[in-house]
Protein backbone atom coordinates (compact mmCIF):
# COMPACT_ATOMS: atom_id res chain seq x y z
CA MET A 1 0.00 0.00 0.00
CA PRO A 2 1.44 3.43 -0.88
CA SER A 3 2.53 5.56 2.04
CA GLY A 4 0.07 8.21 3.14
CA THR A 5 -3.05 6.17 2.34
CA ALA A 6 -5.10 4.57 5.05
CA GLN A 7 -7.42 1.65 4.48
CA THR A 8 -10.56 1.40 6.61
CA PRO A 9 -10.11 -1.34 9.23
CA VAL A 10 -12.42 -4.33 8.96
CA LEU A 11 -13.23 -3.93 12.67
CA GLU A 12 -12.75 -1.03 15.07
CA VAL A 13 -13.73 -1.37 18.72
CA ALA A 14 -13.51 1.71 20.96
CA GLY A 15 -14.29 1.91 24.68
CA LEU A 16 -16.27 -1.35 24.64
CA LYS A 17 -17.95 -2.09 27.97
CA LYS A 18 -20.32 -4.81 29.09
CA HIS A 19 -21.64 -4.69 32.64
CA PHE A 20 -24.06 -7.30 33.93
CA PRO A 21 -26.41 -6.29 36.77
CA LEU A 22 -26.38 -8.33 39.96
CA ARG A 23 -29.78 -8.81 41.58
CA ASN A 24 -30.39 -8.72 45.31
CA ARG A 25 -32.70 -11.70 45.79
CA LEU A 26 -33.97 -10.43 49.12
CA LEU A 27 -34.88 -6.90 48.08
CA ARG A 28 -35.51 -7.66 44.37
CA GLY A 29 -33.43 -4.71 43.32
CA PRO A 30 -30.00 -4.21 41.78
CA ALA A 31 -27.14 -5.17 44.07
CA GLY A 32 -24.35 -3.90 41.85
CA HIS A 33 -22.73 -4.88 38.57
CA VAL A 34 -20.20 -7.32 37.22
CA PHE A 35 -17.77 -5.42 35.01
CA ALA A 36 -17.18 -8.24 32.50
CA VAL A 37 -15.62 -5.93 29.90
CA ASP A 38 -14.56 -2.43 30.81
CA GLY A 39 -13.01 -0.20 28.14
CA VAL A 40 -11.62 -2.46 25.41
CA ASN A 41 -10.05 -0.85 22.32
CA PHE A 42 -8.62 -2.50 19.20
CA SER A 43 -8.78 -2.49 15.42
CA ILE A 44 -8.24 -5.23 12.86
CA ALA A 45 -7.09 -4.50 9.32
CA GLU A 46 -7.77 -6.63 6.23
CA GLY A 47 -5.77 -9.87 6.46
CA GLU A 48 -4.74 -9.23 10.07
CA THR A 49 -5.23 -11.63 12.97
CA LEU A 50 -5.77 -10.50 16.55
CA GLY A 51 -5.68 -12.80 19.57
CA LEU A 52 -7.16 -11.92 22.95
CA VAL A 53 -5.34 -13.78 25.70
CA GLY A 54 -6.32 -14.00 29.33
CA GLU A 55 -7.33 -16.26 32.16
CA SER A 56 -10.67 -18.00 32.32
CA GLY A 57 -13.48 -15.59 33.17
CA CYS A 58 -11.62 -12.44 32.13
CA GLY A 59 -14.17 -11.43 29.44
CA LYS A 60 -12.75 -12.81 26.17
CA SER A 61 -16.02 -14.52 25.19
CA THR A 62 -18.02 -11.48 26.27
CA VAL A 63 -15.93 -9.30 23.96
CA ALA A 64 -16.54 -11.77 21.10
CA ARG A 65 -20.30 -11.85 21.69
CA ALA A 66 -20.53 -8.06 22.01
CA VAL A 67 -18.52 -7.50 18.81
CA MET A 68 -20.86 -9.89 17.00
CA ARG A 69 -23.84 -8.05 18.56
CA LEU A 70 -25.11 -11.28 20.13
CA ILE A 71 -25.23 -9.33 23.39
CA GLU A 72 -25.74 -5.59 23.67
CA PRO A 73 -22.73 -3.61 24.85
CA THR A 74 -23.19 -1.28 27.81
CA ALA A 75 -21.04 1.41 26.19
CA GLY A 76 -18.50 1.97 23.44
CA SER A 77 -18.62 1.63 19.69
CA ILE A 78 -18.22 -1.19 17.17
CA ARG A 79 -17.47 -0.32 13.55
CA LEU A 80 -17.52 -2.97 10.82
CA ASN A 81 -15.99 -1.86 7.51
CA GLY A 82 -16.33 1.75 8.68
CA CYS A 83 -20.04 1.45 9.55
CA ASP A 84 -21.12 1.90 13.17
CA ILE A 85 -23.12 -1.24 14.03
CA THR A 86 -23.25 -0.61 17.78
CA HIS A 87 -26.93 0.28 18.01
CA LEU A 88 -28.39 -1.28 14.86
CA GLY A 89 -31.60 -3.31 15.21
CA LYS A 90 -32.04 -6.90 13.99
CA ALA A 91 -33.22 -5.92 10.51
CA GLU A 92 -30.48 -3.30 10.12
CA MET A 93 -27.84 -5.84 11.23
CA ARG A 94 -28.85 -8.47 8.65
CA PRO A 95 -26.62 -7.24 5.77
CA HIS A 96 -23.69 -6.94 8.18
CA ARG A 97 -24.14 -10.50 9.50
CA ARG A 98 -22.99 -11.80 6.13
CA GLU A 99 -19.66 -10.02 6.62
CA MET A 100 -19.00 -11.37 10.12
CA GLN A 101 -19.25 -14.92 11.41
CA ILE A 102 -18.39 -16.62 14.70
CA ILE A 103 -16.99 -19.99 15.66
CA PHE A 104 -18.28 -20.79 19.14
CA GLN A 105 -16.20 -22.44 21.85
CA ASP A 106 -18.62 -25.35 22.39
CA PRO A 107 -19.43 -26.97 19.05
CA PHE A 108 -22.11 -29.32 20.36
CA ALA A 109 -24.12 -26.51 21.98
CA SER A 110 -23.96 -24.40 18.80
CA LEU A 111 -25.22 -27.12 16.43
CA ASN A 112 -28.92 -27.90 15.99
CA PRO A 113 -29.29 -31.62 16.83
CA ARG A 114 -32.32 -31.90 14.51
CA MET A 115 -30.44 -30.75 11.41
CA SER A 116 -27.97 -32.74 9.35
CA ALA A 117 -24.42 -31.44 9.23
CA GLY A 118 -24.89 -30.48 5.57
CA ALA A 119 -28.04 -28.49 6.37
CA ILE A 120 -26.20 -26.70 9.21
CA VAL A 121 -23.32 -25.67 6.93
CA GLY A 122 -25.68 -24.74 4.10
CA GLU A 123 -28.08 -22.69 6.25
CA PRO A 124 -26.15 -19.37 5.96
CA LEU A 125 -26.08 -19.79 2.17
CA LEU A 126 -29.86 -20.29 2.13
CA VAL A 127 -30.65 -17.51 4.60
CA HIS A 128 -28.64 -14.96 2.62
CA GLY A 129 -29.87 -16.22 -0.77
CA VAL A 130 -26.40 -17.17 -1.98
CA ALA A 131 -27.13 -20.72 -3.21
CA ARG A 132 -29.95 -23.23 -3.65
CA GLY A 133 -30.42 -26.76 -4.99
CA LYS A 134 -27.43 -28.42 -6.65
CA ASP A 135 -25.30 -25.30 -6.29
CA LEU A 136 -25.93 -25.37 -2.53
CA ALA A 137 -25.05 -29.06 -2.26
CA GLY A 138 -21.85 -28.50 -4.26
CA ARG A 139 -20.77 -25.57 -2.12
CA VAL A 140 -21.46 -27.46 1.11
CA ALA A 141 -19.51 -30.50 -0.17
CA ALA A 142 -16.56 -28.22 -1.01
CA LEU A 143 -16.70 -26.66 2.48
CA PHE A 144 -16.69 -30.14 4.05
CA GLU A 145 -13.60 -31.07 2.05
CA GLN A 146 -11.93 -27.75 2.96
CA VAL A 147 -12.19 -28.50 6.70
CA GLY A 148 -11.15 -32.15 6.41
CA LEU A 149 -14.56 -33.84 6.39
CA ARG A 150 -15.95 -36.09 3.66
CA ALA A 151 -18.89 -34.97 1.53
CA ALA A 152 -20.57 -38.30 2.39
CA GLN A 153 -20.86 -37.05 6.00
CA MET A 154 -23.24 -34.24 4.99
CA ARG A 155 -26.28 -36.39 5.82
CA ALA A 156 -25.06 -37.30 9.33
CA PHE A 157 -26.31 -35.51 12.45
CA PRO A 158 -24.14 -33.72 15.05
CA HIS A 159 -24.29 -36.58 17.58
CA GLU A 160 -22.67 -38.87 15.00
CA PHE A 161 -19.46 -36.81 14.95
CA SER A 162 -16.56 -36.55 17.40
CA GLY A 163 -16.01 -33.25 19.23
CA GLY A 164 -13.26 -32.28 16.80
CA GLN A 165 -15.42 -33.08 13.79
CA ARG A 166 -18.25 -30.99 15.25
CA GLN A 167 -15.88 -28.06 15.54
CA ARG A 168 -14.93 -28.57 11.87
CA ILE A 169 -18.63 -28.30 11.00
CA CYS A 170 -18.75 -24.99 12.89
CA ILE A 171 -15.67 -23.77 11.03
CA ALA A 172 -17.21 -24.77 7.67
CA ARG A 173 -20.41 -22.90 8.59
CA ALA A 174 -18.38 -19.78 9.46
CA LEU A 175 -16.50 -19.97 6.15
CA ALA A 176 -19.64 -20.53 4.04
CA LEU A 177 -20.32 -16.86 3.26
CA SER A 178 -16.64 -15.88 2.82
CA PRO A 179 -16.97 -13.21 5.53
CA ARG A 180 -14.46 -10.39 5.96
CA LEU A 181 -14.33 -11.07 9.73
CA ILE A 182 -14.34 -14.39 11.58
CA VAL A 183 -14.46 -14.26 15.37
CA GLY A 184 -13.19 -17.47 16.94
CA ASP A 185 -14.10 -18.09 20.58
CA GLU A 186 -11.40 -20.66 21.34
CA PRO A 187 -12.04 -22.28 17.92
CA VAL A 188 -9.30 -24.90 18.19
CA SER A 189 -9.96 -26.05 21.76
CA ALA A 190 -12.16 -28.94 20.56
CA LEU A 191 -10.24 -29.90 17.42
CA ASP A 192 -8.64 -33.31 17.08
CA VAL A 193 -4.85 -33.48 16.79
């Protein structure tokens, strides 16, 4: 990139806070707050990788969920491709969801046990109108191969896979829309060697 030009970061997080209220069971009122995330700042450029490191319970997953807008931040701003998504409603977030995907820490809890693995991976393609029919099946088969699963496993259900294979299904689902941003909440913790 020529000097003097600045490319818009894929993600900019400024002053991100998430406080959870504590309830006083006796008086039924607020008893304080848990400051799960308190003033986080970072930006991620195209092609860059950022790792948040910290002990268990320090707020890494809360940051991930807030950035994805799965939970509402208490304060701060989240900009995706230069657009402030911090306070967008569900309908307004829909076009941005295609650009950002998450790989959850617990693959079994994030997979619908009533859907086949192929349907799970293909769901984002259907929801966003990217592929249908044979094109959908071909794309899902290619995603399975990309993450080290066989296309023949597309008809199997989550309980038929090992923990590592389930995580591969989650990774394939996150890759399906070719997003600009993938948030991984300990994405390799369940993978097989």
